[in-house]
Structures are given as C-alpha cells and as structure tokens.
Amino acid sequence: MQHLELPFLTTITRVEVSEDLKYAKVWISVLPAGEENEKQILATLKENIYDLQGGLNRKMETKITPRISFAVDHSGEYASHISDLIKKTHEEE
C-alpha cells in the first residue's frame, strides 16, 4: 500500500464494509483533535484517494474490492467527555 505523509497523527479506528463488499467506510481519529486538523486530513486523503484505492485494489485478492471513503470518528472524544462528566459528578458528592 502507498505510504502517505499526513500532517497530524491519524489512526484508523474501524472499518465498516457493506454486505455486498462494494463499499468500505474507513473511520479515522486525528490528534491533535480539532475541526481544522480533521478537514486538512480529509482533504489530503481525498486528494490521494485514487492512489490509495489503487493500492488497495492491487493488494486485495478478492473478486470485489470495496470502494473506500473516509470519515472522522469522534467516539474517543465523546467517551472522554462522558468520563469527565462522571468524574465531576463524583467529586461534587
């Protein structure tokens, strides 16, 4: 697969593949978090989507290779927020 330099730490958190294997949504997290950083990463991935898809097509040995798309996963931020709220509640008791 192609090596892609990204300006921020970017991690694949999960991949959802459609039942017919035609589509795959790749969920990513970006550190440091922030809307501008996420937009920059998504723009970089979009600019390189043909190379990334081509690399996947060459690596896969299946009849169908999913068409990939990217989305930002905010579940880590949400979990951290909930944890902070719970911690704050316990401190107030």
Protein backbone atom coordinates (compact mmCIF):
# COMPACT_ATOMS: atom_id res chain seq x y z
CA MET A 1 0.00 0.00 0.00
CA GLN A 2 1.10 3.55 -0.64
CA HIS A 3 2.92 5.49 2.06
CA LEU A 4 1.18 8.79 2.70
CA GLU A 5 2.64 11.59 4.82
CA LEU A 6 -0.07 13.23 6.91
CA PRO A 7 0.46 16.45 8.89
CA PHE A 8 -1.14 15.07 12.08
CA LEU A 9 -1.22 11.75 13.90
CA THR A 10 -4.00 9.84 12.16
CA THR A 11 -5.26 6.45 13.28
CA ILE A 12 -7.75 4.09 11.66
CA THR A 13 -10.26 3.30 14.41
CA ARG A 14 -12.58 0.99 12.49
CA VAL A 15 -13.69 -0.02 9.02
CA GLU A 16 -17.29 -0.73 8.06
CA VAL A 17 -17.77 -2.83 4.93
CA SER A 18 -21.11 -3.17 3.19
CA GLU A 19 -22.67 -6.63 2.98
CA ASP A 20 -22.07 -6.80 -0.77
CA LEU A 21 -18.39 -5.78 -0.24
CA LYS A 22 -18.74 -2.88 -2.68
CA TYR A 23 -18.13 -0.08 -0.16
CA ALA A 24 -15.96 0.44 2.89
CA LYS A 25 -16.06 3.40 5.24
CA VAL A 26 -12.74 3.95 7.00
CA TRP A 27 -13.16 5.77 10.32
CA ILE A 28 -10.15 7.77 11.50
CA SER A 29 -9.17 9.77 14.56
CA VAL A 30 -6.90 12.79 14.35
CA LEU A 31 -4.56 14.14 17.03
CA PRO A 32 -4.40 16.88 17.97
CA ALA A 33 -8.17 16.98 17.65
CA GLY A 34 -9.83 19.93 16.04
CA GLU A 35 -12.10 20.71 13.14
CA GLU A 36 -9.38 22.39 11.07
CA ASN A 37 -6.97 19.47 11.55
CA GLU A 38 -9.70 17.00 10.60
CA LYS A 39 -10.59 19.00 7.49
CA GLN A 40 -6.94 19.10 6.46
CA ILE A 41 -6.54 15.33 6.89
CA LEU A 42 -9.76 14.56 4.99
CA ALA A 43 -8.68 16.91 2.19
CA THR A 44 -5.29 15.16 1.96
CA LEU A 45 -6.97 11.74 1.87
CA LYS A 46 -9.41 12.94 -0.78
CA GLU A 47 -6.54 14.30 -2.92
CA ASN A 48 -4.84 10.89 -2.73
CA ILE A 49 -7.94 8.66 -2.94
CA TYR A 50 -7.10 7.28 -6.41
CA ASP A 51 -3.63 6.18 -5.29
CA LEU A 52 -4.99 4.74 -2.04
CA GLN A 53 -7.79 2.91 -3.84
CA GLY A 54 -5.34 1.65 -6.46
CA GLY A 55 -3.03 0.30 -3.76
CA LEU A 56 -5.95 -1.48 -2.13
CA ASN A 57 -7.05 -2.90 -5.49
CA ARG A 58 -3.56 -4.35 -6.07
CA LYS A 59 -3.33 -5.82 -2.54
CA MET A 60 -6.77 -7.44 -2.38
CA GLU A 61 -7.07 -10.93 -3.79
CA THR A 62 -10.86 -10.93 -3.85
CA LYS A 63 -13.23 -10.66 -6.77
CA ILE A 64 -14.70 -7.42 -5.39
CA THR A 65 -12.60 -4.67 -3.86
CA PRO A 66 -14.56 -2.19 -1.76
CA ARG A 67 -14.65 1.46 -2.81
CA ILE A 68 -13.24 3.33 0.20
CA SER A 69 -14.36 6.56 1.81
CA PHE A 70 -13.12 8.28 4.96
CA ALA A 71 -14.93 9.75 7.97
CA VAL A 72 -13.73 11.19 11.27
CA ASP A 73 -14.54 9.10 14.35
CA HIS A 74 -15.44 11.28 17.33
CA SER A 75 -16.26 8.38 19.67
CA GLY A 76 -12.99 8.79 21.61
CA GLU A 77 -13.71 12.46 22.29
CA TYR A 78 -17.27 11.61 23.32
CA ALA A 79 -16.10 8.86 25.68
CA SER A 80 -13.59 11.25 27.23
CA HIS A 81 -16.30 13.87 27.71
CA ILE A 82 -18.62 11.36 29.41
CA SER A 83 -15.77 10.19 31.64
CA ASP A 84 -15.05 13.79 32.66
CA LEU A 85 -18.73 14.35 33.49
CA ILE A 86 -18.85 11.22 35.64
CA LYS A 87 -15.64 12.21 37.40
CA LYS A 88 -17.01 15.71 38.05
CA THR A 89 -20.24 14.23 39.47
CA HIS A 90 -18.31 12.02 41.88
CA GLU A 91 -16.16 14.94 43.02
CA GLU A 92 -19.27 17.01 43.82
CA GLU A 93 -20.73 14.28 46.06
